[in-house]
């Protein structure tokens, strides 16, 4: 996602906190091979949608984990700890 590539993922672990179906990724249920195949087909048959999801994925990752976001989170933490 950080590379701006379209992602196909499941809702395993913490991914649900930032990957949303048709917004910035294709999200399929764990073990749903038909849904995985459909997502792969969509990626190949709709390159403009794949590119859009890739761009949105990068924006999401940079917004949550980019240098500015991480620096702001550390600053908030340090302010809380020293207050």
PDB file of N, CA and C in Angstrom:
ATOM      1  N   UNK A   1       0.820  -1.182   0.000  1.00  0.00           N
ATOM      2  CA  UNK A   1       0.000   0.000   0.000  1.00  0.00           C
ATOM      3  C   UNK A   1       0.869   1.253   0.000  1.00  0.00           C
ATOM      4  N   UNK A   2       1.950   1.248   0.750  1.00  0.00           N
ATOM      5  CA  UNK A   2       2.826   2.415   0.821  1.00  0.00           C
ATOM      6  C   UNK A   2       3.476   2.719  -0.530  1.00  0.00           C
ATOM      7  N   UNK A   3       3.599   1.718  -1.376  1.00  0.00           N
ATOM      8  CA  UNK A   3       4.198   1.909  -2.698  1.00  0.00           C
ATOM      9  C   UNK A   3       3.191   2.411  -3.724  1.00  0.00           C
ATOM     10  N   UNK A   4       1.933   2.574  -3.309  1.00  0.00           N
ATOM     11  CA  UNK A   4       0.915   3.043  -4.233  1.00  0.00           C
ATOM     12  C   UNK A   4       0.369   1.963  -5.137  1.00  0.00           C
ATOM     13  N   UNK A   5       0.544   0.722  -4.718  1.00  0.00           N
ATOM     14  CA  UNK A   5       0.036  -0.403  -5.502  1.00  0.00           C
ATOM     15  C   UNK A   5      -1.296  -0.873  -4.943  1.00  0.00           C
ATOM     16  N   UNK A   6      -2.171  -1.389  -5.790  1.00  0.00           N
ATOM     17  CA  UNK A   6      -3.450  -1.892  -5.293  1.00  0.00           C
ATOM     18  C   UNK A   6      -3.211  -3.122  -4.426  1.00  0.00           C
ATOM     19  N   UNK A   7      -3.994  -3.232  -3.372  1.00  0.00           N
ATOM     20  CA  UNK A   7      -3.826  -4.340  -2.434  1.00  0.00           C
ATOM     21  C   UNK A   7      -5.093  -5.175  -2.365  1.00  0.00           C
ATOM     22  N   UNK A   8      -4.893  -6.467  -2.203  1.00  0.00           N
ATOM     23  CA  UNK A   8      -5.981  -7.388  -1.892  1.00  0.00           C
ATOM     24  C   UNK A   8      -5.642  -7.965  -0.534  1.00  0.00           C
ATOM     25  N   UNK A   9      -6.564  -7.853   0.400  1.00  0.00           N
ATOM     26  CA  UNK A   9      -6.276  -8.268   1.768  1.00  0.00           C
ATOM     27  C   UNK A   9      -7.514  -8.875   2.422  1.00  0.00           C
ATOM     28  N   UNK A  10      -7.332  -9.402   3.608  1.00  0.00           N
ATOM     29  CA  UNK A  10      -8.449  -9.869   4.426  1.00  0.00           C
ATOM     30  C   UNK A  10      -8.535  -8.968   5.649  1.00  0.00           C
ATOM     31  N   UNK A  11      -9.542  -9.173   6.455  1.00  0.00           N
ATOM     32  CA  UNK A  11      -9.709  -8.371   7.667  1.00  0.00           C
ATOM     33  C   UNK A  11      -8.927  -8.958   8.845  1.00  0.00           C
ATOM     34  N   UNK A  12      -7.884  -9.680   8.582  1.00  0.00           N
ATOM     35  CA  UNK A  12      -7.077 -10.278   9.638  1.00  0.00           C
ATOM     36  C   UNK A  12      -6.269  -9.207  10.363  1.00  0.00           C
ATOM     37  N   UNK A  13      -6.060  -9.414  11.644  1.00  0.00           N
ATOM     38  CA  UNK A  13      -5.225  -8.513  12.432  1.00  0.00           C
ATOM     39  C   UNK A  13      -5.723  -7.086  12.417  1.00  0.00           C
ATOM     40  N   UNK A  14      -4.804  -6.149  12.401  1.00  0.00           N
ATOM     41  CA  UNK A  14      -5.148  -4.741  12.469  1.00  0.00           C
ATOM     42  C   UNK A  14      -5.427  -4.100  11.119  1.00  0.00           C
ATOM     43  N   UNK A  15      -5.419  -4.894  10.056  1.00  0.00           N
ATOM     44  CA  UNK A  15      -5.628  -4.319   8.724  1.00  0.00           C
ATOM     45  C   UNK A  15      -6.969  -3.606   8.617  1.00  0.00           C
ATOM     46  N   UNK A  16      -7.958  -4.063   9.372  1.00  0.00           N
ATOM     47  CA  UNK A  16      -9.296  -3.446   9.299  1.00  0.00           C
ATOM     48  C   UNK A  16      -9.277  -1.989   9.753  1.00  0.00           C
ATOM     49  N   UNK A  17      -8.222  -1.594  10.462  1.00  0.00           N
ATOM     50  CA  UNK A  17      -8.129  -0.215  10.921  1.00  0.00           C
ATOM     51  C   UNK A  17      -7.803   0.764   9.798  1.00  0.00           C
ATOM     52  N   UNK A  18      -7.285   0.261   8.668  1.00  0.00           N
ATOM     53  CA  UNK A  18      -6.959   1.205   7.602  1.00  0.00           C
ATOM     54  C   UNK A  18      -7.250   0.723   6.192  1.00  0.00           C
ATOM     55  N   UNK A  19      -7.585  -0.534   5.980  1.00  0.00           N
ATOM     56  CA  UNK A  19      -7.942  -1.001   4.640  1.00  0.00           C
ATOM     57  C   UNK A  19      -9.457  -1.128   4.546  1.00  0.00           C
ATOM     58  N   UNK A  20     -10.040  -0.381   3.619  1.00  0.00           N
ATOM     59  CA  UNK A  20     -11.492  -0.427   3.427  1.00  0.00           C
ATOM     60  C   UNK A  20     -11.792  -0.821   1.989  1.00  0.00           C
ATOM     61  N   UNK A  21     -12.709  -1.778   1.855  1.00  0.00           N
ATOM     62  CA  UNK A  21     -13.047  -2.327   0.548  1.00  0.00           C
ATOM     63  C   UNK A  21     -13.524  -1.238  -0.406  1.00  0.00           C
ATOM     64  N   UNK A  22     -12.972  -1.270  -1.609  1.00  0.00           N
ATOM     65  CA  UNK A  22     -13.290  -0.342  -2.697  1.00  0.00           C
ATOM     66  C   UNK A  22     -12.971   1.115  -2.383  1.00  0.00           C
ATOM     67  N   UNK A  23     -12.351   1.365  -1.253  1.00  0.00           N
ATOM     68  CA  UNK A  23     -11.884   2.725  -0.957  1.00  0.00           C
ATOM     69  C   UNK A  23     -10.376   2.812  -1.176  1.00  0.00           C
ATOM     70  N   UNK A  24      -9.630   1.860  -0.594  1.00  0.00           N
ATOM     71  CA  UNK A  24      -8.184   1.867  -0.760  1.00  0.00           C
ATOM     72  C   UNK A  24      -7.600   0.457  -0.887  1.00  0.00           C
ATOM     73  N   UNK A  25      -8.474  -0.533  -1.045  1.00  0.00           N
ATOM     74  CA  UNK A  25      -8.036  -1.923  -1.204  1.00  0.00           C
ATOM     75  C   UNK A  25      -9.229  -2.772  -1.619  1.00  0.00           C
ATOM     76  N   UNK A  26      -8.925  -3.975  -2.057  1.00  0.00           N
ATOM     77  CA  UNK A  26      -9.968  -4.983  -2.182  1.00  0.00           C
ATOM     78  C   UNK A  26      -9.861  -5.825  -0.923  1.00  0.00           C
ATOM     79  N   UNK A  27     -10.940  -5.957  -0.198  1.00  0.00           N
ATOM     80  CA  UNK A  27     -10.943  -6.724   1.049  1.00  0.00           C
ATOM     81  C   UNK A  27     -11.842  -7.940   0.848  1.00  0.00           C
ATOM     82  N   UNK A  28     -11.287  -9.112   1.101  1.00  0.00           N
ATOM     83  CA  UNK A  28     -12.043 -10.357   0.960  1.00  0.00           C
ATOM     84  C   UNK A  28     -12.033 -11.094   2.293  1.00  0.00           C
ATOM     85  N   UNK A  29     -13.009 -11.951   2.487  1.00  0.00           N
ATOM     86  CA  UNK A  29     -13.075 -12.740   3.715  1.00  0.00           C
ATOM     87  C   UNK A  29     -11.966 -13.786   3.717  1.00  0.00           C
ATOM     88  N   UNK A  30     -11.382 -14.052   4.876  1.00  0.00           N
ATOM     89  CA  UNK A  30     -10.350 -15.089   4.950  1.00  0.00           C
ATOM     90  C   UNK A  30     -10.901 -16.425   4.450  1.00  0.00           C
ATOM     91  N   UNK A  31     -10.153 -17.066   3.593  1.00  0.00           N
ATOM     92  CA  UNK A  31     -10.541 -18.384   3.083  1.00  0.00           C
ATOM     93  C   UNK A  31     -11.534 -18.358   1.936  1.00  0.00           C
ATOM     94  N   UNK A  32     -11.999 -17.186   1.519  1.00  0.00           N
ATOM     95  CA  UNK A  32     -12.978 -17.080   0.437  1.00  0.00           C
ATOM     96  C   UNK A  32     -12.236 -17.009  -0.897  1.00  0.00           C
ATOM     97  N   UNK A  33     -11.966 -18.182  -1.458  1.00  0.00           N
ATOM     98  CA  UNK A  33     -11.177 -18.238  -2.687  1.00  0.00           C
ATOM     99  C   UNK A  33     -11.903 -17.618  -3.872  1.00  0.00           C
ATOM    100  N   UNK A  34     -13.225 -17.730  -3.913  1.00  0.00           N
ATOM    101  CA  UNK A  34     -13.989 -17.123  -5.001  1.00  0.00           C
ATOM    102  C   UNK A  34     -13.854 -15.594  -4.958  1.00  0.00           C
ATOM    103  N   UNK A  35     -13.919 -15.015  -3.755  1.00  0.00           N
ATOM    104  CA  UNK A  35     -13.772 -13.560  -3.616  1.00  0.00           C
ATOM    105  C   UNK A  35     -12.354 -13.125  -3.972  1.00  0.00           C
ATOM    106  N   UNK A  36     -11.363 -13.923  -3.592  1.00  0.00           N
ATOM    107  CA  UNK A  36      -9.977 -13.615  -3.941  1.00  0.00           C
ATOM    108  C   UNK A  36      -9.805 -13.641  -5.449  1.00  0.00           C
ATOM    109  N   UNK A  37     -10.353 -14.659  -6.102  1.00  0.00           N
ATOM    110  CA  UNK A  37     -10.262 -14.756  -7.565  1.00  0.00           C
ATOM    111  C   UNK A  37     -10.955 -13.561  -8.219  1.00  0.00           C
ATOM    112  N   UNK A  38     -12.109 -13.165  -7.703  1.00  0.00           N
ATOM    113  CA  UNK A  38     -12.841 -12.020  -8.254  1.00  0.00           C
ATOM    114  C   UNK A  38     -12.034 -10.733  -8.091  1.00  0.00           C
ATOM    115  N   UNK A  39     -11.399 -10.566  -6.942  1.00  0.00           N
ATOM    116  CA  UNK A  39     -10.575  -9.371  -6.715  1.00  0.00           C
ATOM    117  C   UNK A  39      -9.385  -9.350  -7.665  1.00  0.00           C
ATOM    118  N   UNK A  40      -8.750 -10.490  -7.859  1.00  0.00           N
ATOM    119  CA  UNK A  40      -7.630 -10.564  -8.799  1.00  0.00           C
ATOM    120  C   UNK A  40      -8.091 -10.252 -10.221  1.00  0.00           C
ATOM    121  N   UNK A  41      -9.251 -10.785 -10.585  1.00  0.00           N
ATOM    122  CA  UNK A  41      -9.804 -10.512 -11.910  1.00  0.00           C
ATOM    123  C   UNK A  41     -10.085  -9.010 -12.063  1.00  0.00           C
ATOM    124  N   UNK A  42     -10.667  -8.407 -11.034  1.00  0.00           N
ATOM    125  CA  UNK A  42     -10.941  -6.964 -11.080  1.00  0.00           C
ATOM    126  C   UNK A  42      -9.662  -6.171 -11.256  1.00  0.00           C
ATOM    127  N   UNK A  43      -8.622  -6.583 -10.563  1.00  0.00           N
ATOM    128  CA  UNK A  43      -7.347  -5.874 -10.651  1.00  0.00           C
ATOM    129  C   UNK A  43      -6.818  -5.906 -12.081  1.00  0.00           C
ATOM    130  N   UNK A  44      -6.976  -7.044 -12.732  1.00  0.00           N
ATOM    131  CA  UNK A  44      -6.462  -7.190 -14.091  1.00  0.00           C
ATOM    132  C   UNK A  44      -7.375  -6.556 -15.140  1.00  0.00           C
ATOM    133  N   UNK A  45      -8.680  -6.635 -14.921  1.00  0.00           N
ATOM    134  CA  UNK A  45      -9.633  -6.163 -15.920  1.00  0.00           C
ATOM    135  C   UNK A  45      -9.982  -4.679 -15.778  1.00  0.00           C
ATOM    136  N   UNK A  46      -9.695  -4.097 -14.649  1.00  0.00           N
ATOM    137  CA  UNK A  46     -10.019  -2.686 -14.421  1.00  0.00           C
ATOM    138  C   UNK A  46      -8.777  -1.946 -13.925  1.00  0.00           C
ATOM    139  N   UNK A  47      -7.805  -1.740 -14.808  1.00  0.00           N
ATOM    140  CA  UNK A  47      -6.551  -1.111 -14.369  1.00  0.00           C
ATOM    141  C   UNK A  47      -6.739   0.295 -13.819  1.00  0.00           C
ATOM    142  N   UNK A  48      -7.740   1.029 -14.302  1.00  0.00           N
ATOM    143  CA  UNK A  48      -7.970   2.378 -13.771  1.00  0.00           C
ATOM    144  C   UNK A  48      -8.472   2.314 -12.333  1.00  0.00           C
ATOM    145  N   UNK A  49      -9.305   1.329 -12.011  1.00  0.00           N
ATOM    146  CA  UNK A  49      -9.757   1.154 -10.624  1.00  0.00           C
ATOM    147  C   UNK A  49      -8.585   0.720  -9.747  1.00  0.00           C
ATOM    148  N   UNK A  50      -7.761  -0.180 -10.268  1.00  0.00           N
ATOM    149  CA  UNK A  50      -6.590  -0.630  -9.517  1.00  0.00           C
ATOM    150  C   UNK A  50      -5.669   0.550  -9.215  1.00  0.00           C
ATOM    151  N   UNK A  51      -5.455   1.408 -10.204  1.00  0.00           N
ATOM    152  CA  UNK A  51      -4.598   2.576 -10.001  1.00  0.00           C
ATOM    153  C   UNK A  51      -5.204   3.521  -8.969  1.00  0.00           C
ATOM    154  N   UNK A  52      -6.523   3.713  -9.033  1.00  0.00           N
ATOM    155  CA  UNK A  52      -7.198   4.591  -8.064  1.00  0.00           C
ATOM    156  C   UNK A  52      -7.051   4.034  -6.652  1.00  0.00           C
ATOM    157  N   UNK A  53      -7.264   2.728  -6.497  1.00  0.00           N
ATOM    158  CA  UNK A  53      -7.119   2.114  -5.175  1.00  0.00           C
ATOM    159  C   UNK A  53      -5.675   2.205  -4.693  1.00  0.00           C
ATOM    160  N   UNK A  54      -4.718   2.041  -5.598  1.00  0.00           N
ATOM    161  CA  UNK A  54      -3.315   2.159  -5.231  1.00  0.00           C
ATOM    162  C   UNK A  54      -2.967   3.554  -4.727  1.00  0.00           C
ATOM    163  N   UNK A  55      -3.471   4.562  -5.427  1.00  0.00           N
ATOM    164  CA  UNK A  55      -3.218   5.951  -4.981  1.00  0.00           C
ATOM    165  C   UNK A  55      -3.861   6.207  -3.622  1.00  0.00           C
ATOM    166  N   UNK A  56      -5.089   5.740  -3.452  1.00  0.00           N
ATOM    167  CA  UNK A  56      -5.786   5.927  -2.171  1.00  0.00           C
ATOM    168  C   UNK A  56      -5.083   5.168  -1.053  1.00  0.00           C
ATOM    169  N   UNK A  57      -4.562   3.993  -1.368  1.00  0.00           N
ATOM    170  CA  UNK A  57      -3.832   3.214  -0.365  1.00  0.00           C
ATOM    171  C   UNK A  57      -2.601   3.966   0.113  1.00  0.00           C
ATOM    172  N   UNK A  58      -1.859   4.534  -0.823  1.00  0.00           N
ATOM    173  CA  UNK A  58      -0.653   5.292  -0.450  1.00  0.00           C
ATOM    174  C   UNK A  58      -1.010   6.486   0.419  1.00  0.00           C
ATOM    175  N   UNK A  59      -2.064   7.212   0.034  1.00  0.00           N
ATOM    176  CA  UNK A  59      -2.497   8.354   0.847  1.00  0.00           C
ATOM    177  C   UNK A  59      -2.869   7.915   2.258  1.00  0.00           C
ATOM    178  N   UNK A  60      -3.555   6.790   2.371  1.00  0.00           N
ATOM    179  CA  UNK A  60      -3.945   6.271   3.688  1.00  0.00           C
ATOM    180  C   UNK A  60      -2.724   5.954   4.528  1.00  0.00           C
ATOM    181  N   UNK A  61      -1.779   5.233   3.945  1.00  0.00           N
ATOM    182  CA  UNK A  61      -0.580   4.826   4.690  1.00  0.00           C
ATOM    183  C   UNK A  61       0.247   6.040   5.097  1.00  0.00           C
ATOM    184  N   UNK A  62       0.445   6.972   4.178  1.00  0.00           N
ATOM    185  CA  UNK A  62       1.231   8.158   4.527  1.00  0.00           C
ATOM    186  C   UNK A  62       0.528   8.999   5.573  1.00  0.00           C
ATOM    187  N   UNK A  63      -0.796   9.072   5.493  1.00  0.00           N
ATOM    188  CA  UNK A  63      -1.553   9.828   6.482  1.00  0.00           C
ATOM    189  C   UNK A  63      -1.481   9.222   7.870  1.00  0.00           C
ATOM    190  N   UNK A  64      -1.404   7.905   7.941  1.00  0.00           N
ATOM    191  CA  UNK A  64      -1.367   7.226   9.237  1.00  0.00           C
ATOM    192  C   UNK A  64       0.046   6.949   9.736  1.00  0.00           C
ATOM    193  N   UNK A  65       0.965   6.681   8.799  1.00  0.00           N
ATOM    194  CA  UNK A  65       2.294   6.208   9.194  1.00  0.00           C
ATOM    195  C   UNK A  65       3.438   7.007   8.582  1.00  0.00           C
ATOM    196  N   UNK A  66       3.140   8.100   7.897  1.00  0.00           N
ATOM    197  CA  UNK A  66       4.191   8.936   7.314  1.00  0.00           C
ATOM    198  C   UNK A  66       4.967   9.665   8.402  1.00  0.00           C
ATOM    199  N   UNK A  67       6.055  10.286   8.003  1.00  0.00           N
ATOM    200  CA  UNK A  67       6.932  10.969   8.966  1.00  0.00           C
ATOM    201  C   UNK A  67       6.185  11.994   9.805  1.00  0.00           C
ATOM    202  N   UNK A  68       5.365  12.807   9.168  1.00  0.00           N
ATOM    203  CA  UNK A  68       4.640  13.840   9.914  1.00  0.00           C
ATOM    204  C   UNK A  68       3.672  13.239  10.919  1.00  0.00           C
ATOM    205  N   UNK A  69       2.957  12.185  10.510  1.00  0.00           N
ATOM    206  CA  UNK A  69       1.991  11.546  11.408  1.00  0.00           C
ATOM    207  C   UNK A  69       2.696  10.890  12.592  1.00  0.00           C
ATOM    208  N   UNK A  70       3.803  10.220  12.335  1.00  0.00           N
ATOM    209  CA  UNK A  70       4.536   9.547  13.409  1.00  0.00           C
ATOM    210  C   UNK A  70       5.163  10.580  14.349  1.00  0.00           C
ATOM    211  N   UNK A  71       5.727  11.652  13.789  1.00  0.00           N
ATOM    212  CA  UNK A  71       6.315  12.698  14.628  1.00  0.00           C
ATOM    213  C   UNK A  71       5.258  13.339  15.524  1.00  0.00           C
ATOM    214  N   UNK A  72       4.074  13.587  14.972  1.00  0.00           N
ATOM    215  CA  UNK A  72       2.985  14.171  15.769  1.00  0.00           C
ATOM    216  C   UNK A  72       2.547  13.209  16.880  1.00  0.00           C
ATOM    217  N   UNK A  73       2.495  11.922  16.573  1.00  0.00           N
ATOM    218  CA  UNK A  73       2.111  10.940  17.586  1.00  0.00           C
ATOM    219  C   UNK A  73       3.139  10.887  18.713  1.00  0.00           C
ATOM    220  N   UNK A  74       4.423  10.929  18.368  1.00  0.00           N
ATOM    221  CA  UNK A  74       5.464  10.942  19.395  1.00  0.00           C
ATOM    222  C   UNK A  74       5.387  12.208  20.239  1.00  0.00           C
ATOM    223  N   UNK A  75       5.133  13.322  19.596  1.00  0.00           N
ATOM    224  CA  UNK A  75       5.027  14.580  20.324  1.00  0.00           C
ATOM    225  C   UNK A  75       3.864  14.521  21.325  1.00  0.00           C
ATOM    226  N   UNK A  76       2.717  13.998  20.878  1.00  0.00           N
ATOM    227  CA  UNK A  76       1.567  13.863  21.796  1.00  0.00           C
ATOM    228  C   UNK A  76       1.926  12.948  22.958  1.00  0.00           C
ATOM    229  N   UNK A  77       2.582  11.839  22.676  1.00  0.00           N
ATOM    230  CA  UNK A  77       2.975  10.905  23.721  1.00  0.00           C
ATOM    231  C   UNK A  77       3.909  11.562  24.715  1.00  0.00           C
ATOM    232  N   UNK A  78       4.908  12.262  24.228  1.00  0.00           N
ATOM    233  CA  UNK A  78       5.862  12.917  25.118  1.00  0.00           C
ATOM    234  C   UNK A  78       5.176  13.987  25.981  1.00  0.00           C
ATOM    235  N   UNK A  79       4.243  14.713  25.398  1.00  0.00           N
ATOM    236  CA  UNK A  79       3.503  15.707  26.170  1.00  0.00           C
ATOM    237  C   UNK A  79       2.673  15.049  27.279  1.00  0.00           C
ATOM    238  N   UNK A  80       2.055  13.911  26.970  1.00  0.00           N
ATOM    239  CA  UNK A  80       1.264  13.185  27.976  1.00  0.00           C
ATOM    240  C   UNK A  80       2.155  12.665  29.105  1.00  0.00           C
ATOM    241  N   UNK A  81       3.300  12.114  28.736  1.00  0.00           N
ATOM    242  CA  UNK A  81       4.199  11.516  29.719  1.00  0.00           C
ATOM    243  C   UNK A  81       4.809  12.573  30.629  1.00  0.00           C
ATOM    244  N   UNK A  82       5.098  13.747  30.082  1.00  0.00           N
ATOM    245  CA  UNK A  82       5.745  14.783  30.868  1.00  0.00           C
ATOM    246  C   UNK A  82       4.764  15.710  31.569  1.00  0.00           C
ATOM    247  N   UNK A  83       3.471  15.538  31.301  1.00  0.00           N
ATOM    248  CA  UNK A  83       2.466  16.416  31.930  1.00  0.00           C
ATOM    249  C   UNK A  83       2.215  16.023  33.374  1.00  0.00           C
TER     250      UNK A  83
END
